[in-house]
Amino acid sequence: LFTPHFVSKHSLSSSSFSSFIILSHPQSDKKCSLFNIGSNSWCEVSIYFPRILSSPLSSNLLSSSNGLLCFAIPRSSCFVVYNLLAKSLRRVNFPACLFDYESLTLVSTDNGFKLFVSSSAGSSNQALVYSSTVCSWRRFEGSTQILSESCHQKGVFYNGCLFFTTLEPFHVVYFHLESGIWEGSTAVLPRDLTFVRVASDGYQKLYLIAGVGTSGISRSIKIWELRKDEDQGADYWVEVETLPEMVCRKFVSVCYHNYEHVYCFWHKGLICLCCYTWPEMLYFKVSRGTWHWLPK
């Protein structure tokens, strides 16, 4: 995606390569809405996928990363990683027959991509990692039960690891993609949390987005940044932002305090916050410290 020829061919302007957020709907098979960050506007386009990706696409779309989309094709016993702009695909066969999995996260890198899959087939809990550079799976035994009920929130890639949040009691845990080791974050979480999510720019910053309140009701939503004490060598969370009160009221009202529907992700300097049951997206522009609703 980042070769000069590809950028010059697909760029909407000669000075920069535009980035998009894709919004899809189960009842709209071939038409997606693209939000152009540069022009702050929506445009509808018809997208034609390979025949192997039969409709409805949204039912088997599992994860996305930097322009790559990962689908599950159970009838063909494979995953398909599709480059939407280059219109090329990679078929990745399931690591086992009758493969059952709970969660999948796609991570794209400068030289390829990785697939992280958690599975609890039979009595064992295991994680499997596919690397496109060697075209093979690696299997790691260990506990992945923490992910079984957090399927809406994919892993967040940061500093070579995938970070996840658990249900109550809340914790932040991470998985080393190379070694397959699970660890728990030593940074103490803030008090009185009602839900917890994480987002990251990939390498430099990791953010915690969480509701704060009592009895499971969020009175405010805050953002913290993970930092390291150079003297002590310990990680800790620093509060960097609070959602304005009126905006917070609207967001928690559309969630009906069912925070399992809340989803967060990072996109080009934006921390995006949305709800699966409401077709609006809220985002925080980190560089300016401002909150905005995406135009309808």
C-alpha atoms as a PDB file:
ATOM      1  CA  LEU A   1       0.000   0.000   0.000  1.00  0.00           C
ATOM      2  CA  PHE A   2       2.876   2.400   0.607  1.00  0.00           C
ATOM      3  CA  THR A   3       4.948   1.998  -2.569  1.00  0.00           C
ATOM      4  CA  PRO A   4       5.317   5.283  -4.530  1.00  0.00           C
ATOM      5  CA  HIS A   5       3.575   3.838  -7.608  1.00  0.00           C
ATOM      6  CA  PHE A   6       0.532   2.706  -5.648  1.00  0.00           C
ATOM      7  CA  VAL A   7       0.243   5.969  -3.716  1.00  0.00           C
ATOM      8  CA  SER A   8       0.481   8.106  -6.865  1.00  0.00           C
ATOM      9  CA  LYS A   9      -2.107   5.958  -8.641  1.00  0.00           C
ATOM     10  CA  HIS A  10      -4.728   6.008  -5.889  1.00  0.00           C
ATOM     11  CA  SER A  11      -4.119   9.315  -4.122  1.00  0.00           C
ATOM     12  CA  LEU A  12      -6.969  11.811  -4.330  1.00  0.00           C
ATOM     13  CA  SER A  13      -4.459  14.659  -4.151  1.00  0.00           C
ATOM     14  CA  SER A  14      -0.863  14.922  -5.233  1.00  0.00           C
ATOM     15  CA  SER A  15       0.333  15.986  -1.781  1.00  0.00           C
ATOM     16  CA  SER A  16      -0.985  13.234   0.490  1.00  0.00           C
ATOM     17  CA  PHE A  17      -2.573   9.828   0.483  1.00  0.00           C
ATOM     18  CA  SER A  18      -6.120   9.981   1.831  1.00  0.00           C
ATOM     19  CA  SER A  19      -7.283   7.587   4.520  1.00  0.00           C
ATOM     20  CA  PHE A  20     -10.801   6.262   4.943  1.00  0.00           C
ATOM     21  CA  ILE A  21     -13.128   4.707   7.488  1.00  0.00           C
ATOM     22  CA  ILE A  22     -15.455   2.111   5.937  1.00  0.00           C
ATOM     23  CA  LEU A  23     -19.025   1.788   7.218  1.00  0.00           C
ATOM     24  CA  SER A  24     -20.983  -1.272   6.102  1.00  0.00           C
ATOM     25  CA  HIS A  25     -24.433  -2.678   6.829  1.00  0.00           C
ATOM     26  CA  PRO A  26     -25.686  -6.296   6.669  1.00  0.00           C
ATOM     27  CA  GLN A  27     -28.532  -5.331   4.315  1.00  0.00           C
ATOM     28  CA  SER A  28     -26.238  -3.523   1.876  1.00  0.00           C
ATOM     29  CA  ASP A  29     -24.126  -6.149   0.158  1.00  0.00           C
ATOM     30  CA  LYS A  30     -22.047  -4.194  -2.328  1.00  0.00           C
ATOM     31  CA  LYS A  31     -22.359  -0.550  -1.323  1.00  0.00           C
ATOM     32  CA  CYS A  32     -20.251   0.853   1.489  1.00  0.00           C
ATOM     33  CA  SER A  33     -19.902   4.366   2.813  1.00  0.00           C
ATOM     34  CA  LEU A  34     -16.367   5.731   2.948  1.00  0.00           C
ATOM     35  CA  PHE A  35     -15.513   8.586   5.286  1.00  0.00           C
ATOM     36  CA  ASN A  36     -12.655  10.702   3.954  1.00  0.00           C
ATOM     37  CA  ILE A  37     -10.674  12.071   6.890  1.00  0.00           C
ATOM     38  CA  GLY A  38      -9.046  14.713   4.704  1.00  0.00           C
ATOM     39  CA  SER A  39     -12.257  16.264   3.369  1.00  0.00           C
ATOM     40  CA  ASN A  40     -14.393  15.392   6.442  1.00  0.00           C
ATOM     41  CA  SER A  41     -17.136  13.971   4.235  1.00  0.00           C
ATOM     42  CA  TRP A  42     -18.864  10.705   3.290  1.00  0.00           C
ATOM     43  CA  CYS A  43     -19.020   9.182  -0.171  1.00  0.00           C
ATOM     44  CA  GLU A  44     -20.851   6.046  -1.253  1.00  0.00           C
ATOM     45  CA  VAL A  45     -19.096   3.626  -3.549  1.00  0.00           C
ATOM     46  CA  SER A  46     -19.900   0.223  -4.980  1.00  0.00           C
ATOM     47  CA  ILE A  47     -17.258  -2.290  -4.002  1.00  0.00           C
ATOM     48  CA  TYR A  48     -16.885  -5.561  -5.868  1.00  0.00           C
ATOM     49  CA  PHE A  49     -15.324  -8.415  -3.945  1.00  0.00           C
ATOM     50  CA  PRO A  50     -13.948 -11.731  -5.255  1.00  0.00           C
ATOM     51  CA  ARG A  51     -16.457 -14.508  -5.773  1.00  0.00           C
ATOM     52  CA  ILE A  52     -15.141 -16.448  -2.790  1.00  0.00           C
ATOM     53  CA  LEU A  53     -16.396 -13.620  -0.532  1.00  0.00           C
ATOM     54  CA  SER A  54     -20.116 -14.184  -1.014  1.00  0.00           C
ATOM     55  CA  SER A  55     -22.668 -11.909   0.661  1.00  0.00           C
ATOM     56  CA  PRO A  56     -23.535 -10.901   3.257  1.00  0.00           C
ATOM     57  CA  LEU A  57     -19.947  -9.748   3.722  1.00  0.00           C
ATOM     58  CA  SER A  58     -20.486  -8.245   7.165  1.00  0.00           C
ATOM     59  CA  SER A  59     -21.432 -11.624   8.635  1.00  0.00           C
ATOM     60  CA  ASN A  60     -17.973 -13.113   8.057  1.00  0.00           C
ATOM     61  CA  LEU A  61     -15.750 -10.027   8.246  1.00  0.00           C
ATOM     62  CA  LEU A  62     -13.617 -10.632  11.330  1.00  0.00           C
ATOM     63  CA  SER A  63     -10.931  -7.959  11.472  1.00  0.00           C
ATOM     64  CA  SER A  64      -9.225  -5.156   9.541  1.00  0.00           C
ATOM     65  CA  SER A  65      -5.835  -3.464   9.665  1.00  0.00           C
ATOM     66  CA  ASN A  66      -4.311  -0.702   7.514  1.00  0.00           C
ATOM     67  CA  GLY A  67      -6.375  -1.416   4.413  1.00  0.00           C
ATOM     68  CA  LEU A  68      -6.482  -5.200   4.768  1.00  0.00           C
ATOM     69  CA  LEU A  69      -9.731  -7.052   5.536  1.00  0.00           C
ATOM     70  CA  CYS A  70      -9.876 -10.579   6.974  1.00  0.00           C
ATOM     71  CA  PHE A  71     -12.891 -12.799   6.292  1.00  0.00           C
ATOM     72  CA  ALA A  72     -13.763 -16.313   7.433  1.00  0.00           C
ATOM     73  CA  ILE A  73     -14.975 -18.744   4.764  1.00  0.00           C
ATOM     74  CA  PRO A  74     -16.131 -21.773   6.801  1.00  0.00           C
ATOM     75  CA  ARG A  75     -17.395 -23.692   3.771  1.00  0.00           C
ATOM     76  CA  SER A  76     -13.897 -23.489   2.277  1.00  0.00           C
ATOM     77  CA  SER A  77     -12.112 -24.052   5.621  1.00  0.00           C
ATOM     78  CA  CYS A  78     -10.042 -20.913   5.253  1.00  0.00           C
ATOM     79  CA  PHE A  79      -9.564 -17.273   6.104  1.00  0.00           C
ATOM     80  CA  VAL A  80      -9.192 -14.749   3.292  1.00  0.00           C
ATOM     81  CA  VAL A  81      -7.097 -11.605   3.715  1.00  0.00           C
ATOM     82  CA  TYR A  82      -8.181  -9.100   1.060  1.00  0.00           C
ATOM     83  CA  ASN A  83      -6.471  -5.891  -0.025  1.00  0.00           C
ATOM     84  CA  LEU A  84      -9.426  -3.679  -0.891  1.00  0.00           C
ATOM     85  CA  LEU A  85      -7.501  -1.147  -2.982  1.00  0.00           C
ATOM     86  CA  ALA A  86      -5.042  -3.428  -4.754  1.00  0.00           C
ATOM     87  CA  LYS A  87      -7.819  -6.040  -5.235  1.00  0.00           C
ATOM     88  CA  SER A  88      -5.511  -8.906  -4.262  1.00  0.00           C
ATOM     89  CA  LEU A  89      -6.098 -11.648  -1.712  1.00  0.00           C
ATOM     90  CA  ARG A  90      -4.299 -14.297   0.301  1.00  0.00           C
ATOM     91  CA  ARG A  91      -6.092 -17.499   1.213  1.00  0.00           C
ATOM     92  CA  VAL A  92      -5.026 -18.914   4.597  1.00  0.00           C
ATOM     93  CA  ASN A  93      -6.195 -22.441   5.333  1.00  0.00           C
ATOM     94  CA  PHE A  94      -7.531 -23.232   8.797  1.00  0.00           C
ATOM     95  CA  PRO A  95      -4.821 -24.760  11.031  1.00  0.00           C
ATOM     96  CA  ALA A  96      -6.978 -27.843  11.682  1.00  0.00           C
ATOM     97  CA  CYS A  97     -10.027 -29.641  10.341  1.00  0.00           C
ATOM     98  CA  LEU A  98     -13.354 -28.537  11.818  1.00  0.00           C
ATOM     99  CA  PHE A  99     -11.546 -25.542  13.290  1.00  0.00           C
ATOM    100  CA  ASP A 100     -13.472 -23.633  15.963  1.00  0.00           C
ATOM    101  CA  TYR A 101     -12.297 -20.272  17.281  1.00  0.00           C
ATOM    102  CA  GLU A 102     -13.512 -17.482  19.560  1.00  0.00           C
ATOM    103  CA  SER A 103     -11.598 -14.424  18.419  1.00  0.00           C
ATOM    104  CA  LEU A 104      -9.389 -13.276  15.540  1.00  0.00           C
ATOM    105  CA  THR A 105      -7.195 -10.194  15.171  1.00  0.00           C
ATOM    106  CA  LEU A 106      -5.427  -9.147  11.967  1.00  0.00           C
ATOM    107  CA  VAL A 107      -2.174  -7.195  12.345  1.00  0.00           C
ATOM    108  CA  SER A 108      -0.556  -5.715   9.240  1.00  0.00           C
ATOM    109  CA  THR A 109       3.119  -4.762   9.302  1.00  0.00           C
ATOM    110  CA  ASP A 110       5.588  -3.210   6.877  1.00  0.00           C
ATOM    111  CA  ASN A 111       6.551  -6.611   5.445  1.00  0.00           C
ATOM    112  CA  GLY A 112       3.309  -8.615   5.691  1.00  0.00           C
ATOM    113  CA  PHE A 113       0.618  -9.526   8.187  1.00  0.00           C
ATOM    114  CA  LYS A 114      -0.127 -11.799  11.113  1.00  0.00           C
ATOM    115  CA  LEU A 115      -3.353 -13.488  12.230  1.00  0.00           C
ATOM    116  CA  PHE A 116      -3.931 -14.078  15.936  1.00  0.00           C
ATOM    117  CA  VAL A 117      -6.627 -16.647  16.710  1.00  0.00           C
ATOM    118  CA  SER A 118      -7.813 -17.825  20.117  1.00  0.00           C
ATOM    119  CA  SER A 119      -9.380 -21.263  20.382  1.00  0.00           C
ATOM    120  CA  SER A 120     -10.722 -23.431  23.184  1.00  0.00           C
ATOM    121  CA  ALA A 121     -11.395 -26.563  21.170  1.00  0.00           C
ATOM    122  CA  GLY A 122     -11.890 -29.539  23.417  1.00  0.00           C
ATOM    123  CA  SER A 123     -10.440 -29.086  26.896  1.00  0.00           C
ATOM    124  CA  SER A 124      -7.410 -26.977  25.922  1.00  0.00           C
ATOM    125  CA  ASN A 125      -7.087 -23.219  25.552  1.00  0.00           C
ATOM    126  CA  GLN A 126      -4.623 -22.122  22.937  1.00  0.00           C
ATOM    127  CA  ALA A 127      -3.530 -19.235  20.757  1.00  0.00           C
ATOM    128  CA  LEU A 128      -2.482 -19.636  17.138  1.00  0.00           C
ATOM    129  CA  VAL A 129      -0.462 -17.124  15.117  1.00  0.00           C
ATOM    130  CA  TYR A 130      -0.145 -17.141  11.313  1.00  0.00           C
ATOM    131  CA  SER A 131       2.688 -15.206   9.664  1.00  0.00           C
ATOM    132  CA  SER A 132       2.440 -14.249   5.994  1.00  0.00           C
ATOM    133  CA  THR A 133       6.222 -14.086   5.677  1.00  0.00           C
ATOM    134  CA  VAL A 134       6.669 -17.820   6.383  1.00  0.00           C
ATOM    135  CA  CYS A 135       3.115 -18.903   5.408  1.00  0.00           C
ATOM    136  CA  SER A 136       2.638 -21.122   8.438  1.00  0.00           C
ATOM    137  CA  TRP A 137       0.853 -21.338  11.808  1.00  0.00           C
ATOM    138  CA  ARG A 138       2.427 -21.474  15.276  1.00  0.00           C
ATOM    139  CA  ARG A 139       0.492 -22.922  18.196  1.00  0.00           C
ATOM    140  CA  PHE A 140       0.861 -21.717  21.798  1.00  0.00           C
ATOM    141  CA  GLU A 141      -0.748 -23.453  24.732  1.00  0.00           C
ATOM    142  CA  GLY A 142      -2.095 -21.273  27.522  1.00  0.00           C
ATOM    143  CA  SER A 143      -5.149 -19.602  28.913  1.00  0.00           C
ATOM    144  CA  THR A 144      -7.294 -17.660  26.412  1.00  0.00           C
ATOM    145  CA  GLN A 145     -10.519 -17.886  28.415  1.00  0.00           C
ATOM    146  CA  ILE A 146     -10.260 -14.153  29.176  1.00  0.00           C
ATOM    147  CA  LEU A 147     -11.105 -13.442  25.536  1.00  0.00           C
ATOM    148  CA  SER A 148     -14.132 -15.690  25.147  1.00  0.00           C
ATOM    149  CA  GLU A 149     -16.669 -13.097  26.247  1.00  0.00           C
ATOM    150  CA  SER A 150     -14.917 -10.062  24.774  1.00  0.00           C
ATOM    151  CA  CYS A 151     -15.369 -10.963  21.114  1.00  0.00           C
ATOM    152  CA  HIS A 152     -16.415  -7.458  20.029  1.00  0.00           C
ATOM    153  CA  GLN A 153     -13.129  -5.948  21.172  1.00  0.00           C
ATOM    154  CA  LYS A 154     -10.226  -7.191  19.048  1.00  0.00           C
ATOM    155  CA  GLY A 155      -6.651  -7.230  20.202  1.00  0.00           C
ATOM    156  CA  VAL A 156      -4.825  -3.898  20.069  1.00  0.00           C
ATOM    157  CA  PHE A 157      -1.304  -4.020  18.612  1.00  0.00           C
ATOM    158  CA  TYR A 158       1.305  -2.124  20.619  1.00  0.00           C
ATOM    159  CA  ASN A 159       5.055  -2.596  20.911  1.00  0.00           C
ATOM    160  CA  GLY A 160       5.031  -6.103  19.434  1.00  0.00           C
ATOM    161  CA  CYS A 161       2.146  -7.344  21.600  1.00  0.00           C
ATOM    162  CA  LEU A 162      -1.622  -7.644  21.390  1.00  0.00           C
ATOM    163  CA  PHE A 163      -3.394  -5.971  24.316  1.00  0.00           C
ATOM    164  CA  PHE A 164      -6.824  -7.058  25.588  1.00  0.00           C
ATOM    165  CA  THR A 165      -9.157  -6.025  28.380  1.00  0.00           C
ATOM    166  CA  THR A 166     -11.140  -8.438  30.526  1.00  0.00           C
ATOM    167  CA  LEU A 167     -14.623  -8.248  31.961  1.00  0.00           C
ATOM    168  CA  GLU A 168     -14.982  -7.500  35.663  1.00  0.00           C
ATOM    169  CA  PRO A 169     -12.766  -7.621  37.591  1.00  0.00           C
ATOM    170  CA  PHE A 170     -11.094  -5.436  34.968  1.00  0.00           C
ATOM    171  CA  HIS A 171      -7.539  -6.165  33.868  1.00  0.00           C
ATOM    172  CA  VAL A 172      -5.309  -5.331  30.922  1.00  0.00           C
ATOM    173  CA  VAL A 173      -3.415  -8.348  29.572  1.00  0.00           C
ATOM    174  CA  TYR A 174      -1.162  -8.765  26.574  1.00  0.00           C
ATOM    175  CA  PHE A 175       0.162 -11.508  24.312  1.00  0.00           C
ATOM    176  CA  HIS A 176       3.674 -11.486  22.822  1.00  0.00           C
ATOM    177  CA  LEU A 177       3.240 -12.317  19.134  1.00  0.00           C
ATOM    178  CA  GLU A 178       6.757 -13.732  18.804  1.00  0.00           C
ATOM    179  CA  SER A 179       7.162 -15.721  22.033  1.00  0.00           C
ATOM    180  CA  GLY A 180       3.497 -16.611  22.653  1.00  0.00           C
ATOM    181  CA  ILE A 181       3.737 -15.561  26.315  1.00  0.00           C
ATOM    182  CA  TRP A 182       0.769 -14.024  28.137  1.00  0.00           C
ATOM    183  CA  GLU A 183       1.372 -11.304  30.729  1.00  0.00           C
ATOM    184  CA  GLY A 184      -0.719  -8.960  32.826  1.00  0.00           C
ATOM    185  CA  SER A 185      -0.052  -5.242  32.825  1.00  0.00           C
ATOM    186  CA  THR A 186       1.531  -4.044  36.068  1.00  0.00           C
ATOM    187  CA  ALA A 187       0.035  -0.553  35.689  1.00  0.00           C
ATOM    188  CA  VAL A 188      -2.688  -0.096  38.323  1.00  0.00           C
ATOM    189  CA  LEU A 189      -6.058   0.703  36.780  1.00  0.00           C
ATOM    190  CA  PRO A 190      -8.035   3.767  37.910  1.00  0.00           C
ATOM    191  CA  ARG A 191     -10.822   3.201  40.451  1.00  0.00           C
ATOM    192  CA  ASP A 192     -14.611   2.966  39.981  1.00  0.00           C
ATOM    193  CA  LEU A 193     -14.527   1.785  36.361  1.00  0.00           C
ATOM    194  CA  THR A 194     -17.702   0.629  34.609  1.00  0.00           C
ATOM    195  CA  PHE A 195     -16.127  -0.551  31.342  1.00  0.00           C
ATOM    196  CA  VAL A 196     -12.582  -0.627  29.935  1.00  0.00           C
ATOM    197  CA  ARG A 197     -11.178  -0.488  26.385  1.00  0.00           C
ATOM    198  CA  VAL A 198      -7.733   0.116  24.918  1.00  0.00           C
ATOM    199  CA  ALA A 199      -6.508   1.792  21.723  1.00  0.00           C
ATOM    200  CA  SER A 200      -3.047   2.336  20.296  1.00  0.00           C
ATOM    201  CA  ASP A 201      -1.201   4.020  17.450  1.00  0.00           C
ATOM    202  CA  GLY A 202       0.760   0.768  17.118  1.00  0.00           C
ATOM    203  CA  TYR A 203       4.145   1.648  18.540  1.00  0.00           C
ATOM    204  CA  GLN A 204       4.442   4.844  20.603  1.00  0.00           C
ATOM    205  CA  LYS A 205       1.197   5.319  22.536  1.00  0.00           C
ATOM    206  CA  LEU A 206      -1.272   3.071  24.357  1.00  0.00           C
ATOM    207  CA  TYR A 207      -4.509   4.566  25.647  1.00  0.00           C
ATOM    208  CA  LEU A 208      -7.119   3.377  28.119  1.00  0.00           C
ATOM    209  CA  ILE A 209     -10.709   4.478  27.457  1.00  0.00           C
ATOM    210  CA  ALA A 210     -13.082   3.770  30.321  1.00  0.00           C
ATOM    211  CA  GLY A 211     -16.303   4.752  32.002  1.00  0.00           C
ATOM    212  CA  VAL A 212     -16.164   5.984  35.583  1.00  0.00           C
ATOM    213  CA  GLY A 213     -19.118   5.638  37.956  1.00  0.00           C
ATOM    214  CA  THR A 214     -20.868   3.432  40.477  1.00  0.00           C
ATOM    215  CA  SER A 215     -23.313   0.510  40.351  1.00  0.00           C
ATOM    216  CA  GLY A 216     -22.447  -0.106  36.712  1.00  0.00           C
ATOM    217  CA  ILE A 217     -23.568   3.374  35.600  1.00  0.00           C
ATOM    218  CA  SER A 218     -21.037   5.652  33.889  1.00  0.00           C
ATOM    219  CA  ARG A 219     -21.051   9.230  35.145  1.00  0.00           C
ATOM    220  CA  SER A 220     -18.094  10.185  32.963  1.00  0.00           C
ATOM    221  CA  ILE A 221     -15.817   8.748  30.285  1.00  0.00           C
ATOM    222  CA  LYS A 222     -12.082   9.384  30.485  1.00  0.00           C
ATOM    223  CA  ILE A 223      -8.902   8.637  28.537  1.00  0.00           C
ATOM    224  CA  TRP A 224      -5.585   7.674  30.127  1.00  0.00           C
ATOM    225  CA  GLU A 225      -2.170   7.245  28.521  1.00  0.00           C
ATOM    226  CA  LEU A 226       0.305   4.545  29.534  1.00  0.00           C
ATOM    227  CA  ARG A 227       3.648   5.958  30.625  1.00  0.00           C
ATOM    228  CA  LYS A 228       6.797   4.591  32.225  1.00  0.00           C
ATOM    229  CA  ASP A 229       8.567   5.887  35.299  1.00  0.00           C
ATOM    230  CA  GLU A 230      12.186   5.973  34.137  1.00  0.00           C
ATOM    231  CA  ASP A 231      13.530   5.921  37.705  1.00  0.00           C
ATOM    232  CA  GLN A 232      11.381   3.060  38.992  1.00  0.00           C
ATOM    233  CA  GLY A 233      10.933   1.285  35.649  1.00  0.00           C
ATOM    234  CA  ALA A 234       7.212   0.881  36.330  1.00  0.00           C
ATOM    235  CA  ASP A 235       4.244   1.574  34.048  1.00  0.00           C
ATOM    236  CA  TYR A 236       1.407   3.805  35.164  1.00  0.00           C
ATOM    237  CA  TRP A 237      -1.728   5.420  33.703  1.00  0.00           C
ATOM    238  CA  VAL A 238      -1.982   9.216  33.380  1.00  0.00           C
ATOM    239  CA  GLU A 239      -5.360  10.868  32.791  1.00  0.00           C
ATOM    240  CA  VAL A 240      -5.253  12.992  29.639  1.00  0.00           C
ATOM    241  CA  GLU A 241      -8.887  13.735  28.746  1.00  0.00           C
ATOM    242  CA  THR A 242     -12.492  13.717  29.987  1.00  0.00           C
ATOM    243  CA  LEU A 243     -15.459  13.523  27.647  1.00  0.00           C
ATOM    244  CA  PRO A 244     -17.576  16.726  27.907  1.00  0.00           C
ATOM    245  CA  GLU A 245     -20.641  16.190  30.102  1.00  0.00           C
ATOM    246  CA  MET A 246     -23.314  16.772  27.418  1.00  0.00           C
ATOM    247  CA  VAL A 247     -21.555  14.518  24.916  1.00  0.00           C
ATOM    248  CA  CYS A 248     -21.110  11.863  27.619  1.00  0.00           C
ATOM    249  CA  ARG A 249     -24.822  11.930  28.417  1.00  0.00           C
ATOM    250  CA  LYS A 250     -25.723  11.337  24.787  1.00  0.00           C
ATOM    251  CA  PHE A 251     -23.221   8.517  24.353  1.00  0.00           C
ATOM    252  CA  VAL A 252     -24.216   6.567  27.468  1.00  0.00           C
ATOM    253  CA  SER A 253     -27.896   7.052  26.619  1.00  0.00           C
ATOM    254  CA  VAL A 254     -27.531   5.416  23.190  1.00  0.00           C
ATOM    255  CA  CYS A 255     -25.672   2.529  24.839  1.00  0.00           C
ATOM    256  CA  TYR A 256     -28.442   2.112  27.432  1.00  0.00           C
ATOM    257  CA  HIS A 257     -25.587   1.385  29.863  1.00  0.00           C
ATOM    258  CA  ASN A 258     -24.946  -1.887  28.020  1.00  0.00           C
ATOM    259  CA  TYR A 259     -21.229  -1.336  27.621  1.00  0.00           C
ATOM    260  CA  GLU A 260     -20.596  -4.646  25.880  1.00  0.00           C
ATOM    261  CA  HIS A 261     -21.728  -2.781  22.745  1.00  0.00           C
ATOM    262  CA  VAL A 262     -19.001  -0.131  23.079  1.00  0.00           C
ATOM    263  CA  TYR A 263     -16.113  -0.412  20.638  1.00  0.00           C
ATOM    264  CA  CYS A 264     -12.932   1.671  20.373  1.00  0.00           C
ATOM    265  CA  PHE A 265     -10.212   1.890  17.748  1.00  0.00           C
ATOM    266  CA  TRP A 266      -7.390   4.149  16.602  1.00  0.00           C
ATOM    267  CA  HIS A 267      -7.390   5.747  13.163  1.00  0.00           C
ATOM    268  CA  LYS A 268      -4.833   8.295  11.951  1.00  0.00           C
ATOM    269  CA  GLY A 269      -4.518  10.340  15.120  1.00  0.00           C
ATOM    270  CA  LEU A 270      -8.138   9.770  16.174  1.00  0.00           C
ATOM    271  CA  ILE A 271      -9.440   7.685  19.083  1.00  0.00           C
ATOM    272  CA  CYS A 272     -12.818   6.528  17.786  1.00  0.00           C
ATOM    273  CA  LEU A 273     -15.614   5.497  20.129  1.00  0.00           C
ATOM    274  CA  CYS A 274     -18.803   3.906  18.846  1.00  0.00           C
ATOM    275  CA  CYS A 275     -21.703   1.646  19.777  1.00  0.00           C
ATOM    276  CA  TYR A 276     -22.848  -1.358  17.759  1.00  0.00           C
ATOM    277  CA  THR A 277     -26.509  -0.396  18.250  1.00  0.00           C
ATOM    278  CA  TRP A 278     -26.193   3.246  17.139  1.00  0.00           C
ATOM    279  CA  PRO A 279     -25.021   4.480  13.689  1.00  0.00           C
ATOM    280  CA  GLU A 280     -22.981   7.442  14.914  1.00  0.00           C
ATOM    281  CA  MET A 281     -19.310   7.633  15.758  1.00  0.00           C
ATOM    282  CA  LEU A 282     -17.584   9.830  18.314  1.00  0.00           C
ATOM    283  CA  TYR A 283     -13.897  10.616  18.002  1.00  0.00           C
ATOM    284  CA  PHE A 284     -11.189  12.397  19.948  1.00  0.00           C
ATOM    285  CA  LYS A 285      -8.571  14.290  17.932  1.00  0.00           C
ATOM    286  CA  VAL A 286      -5.454  13.689  20.006  1.00  0.00           C
ATOM    287  CA  SER A 287      -3.321  16.476  18.502  1.00  0.00           C
ATOM    288  CA  ARG A 288      -5.937  19.157  19.235  1.00  0.00           C
ATOM    289  CA  GLY A 289      -7.554  17.640  22.308  1.00  0.00           C
ATOM    290  CA  THR A 290     -11.052  18.064  20.827  1.00  0.00           C
ATOM    291  CA  TRP A 291     -14.132  15.811  20.608  1.00  0.00           C
ATOM    292  CA  HIS A 292     -16.340  15.537  17.516  1.00  0.00           C
ATOM    293  CA  TRP A 293     -19.230  13.505  16.172  1.00  0.00           C
ATOM    294  CA  LEU A 294     -18.607  12.103  12.722  1.00  0.00           C
ATOM    295  CA  PRO A 295     -21.057  13.745  10.258  1.00  0.00           C
ATOM    296  CA  LYS A 296     -24.083  11.557   9.601  1.00  0.00           C
END
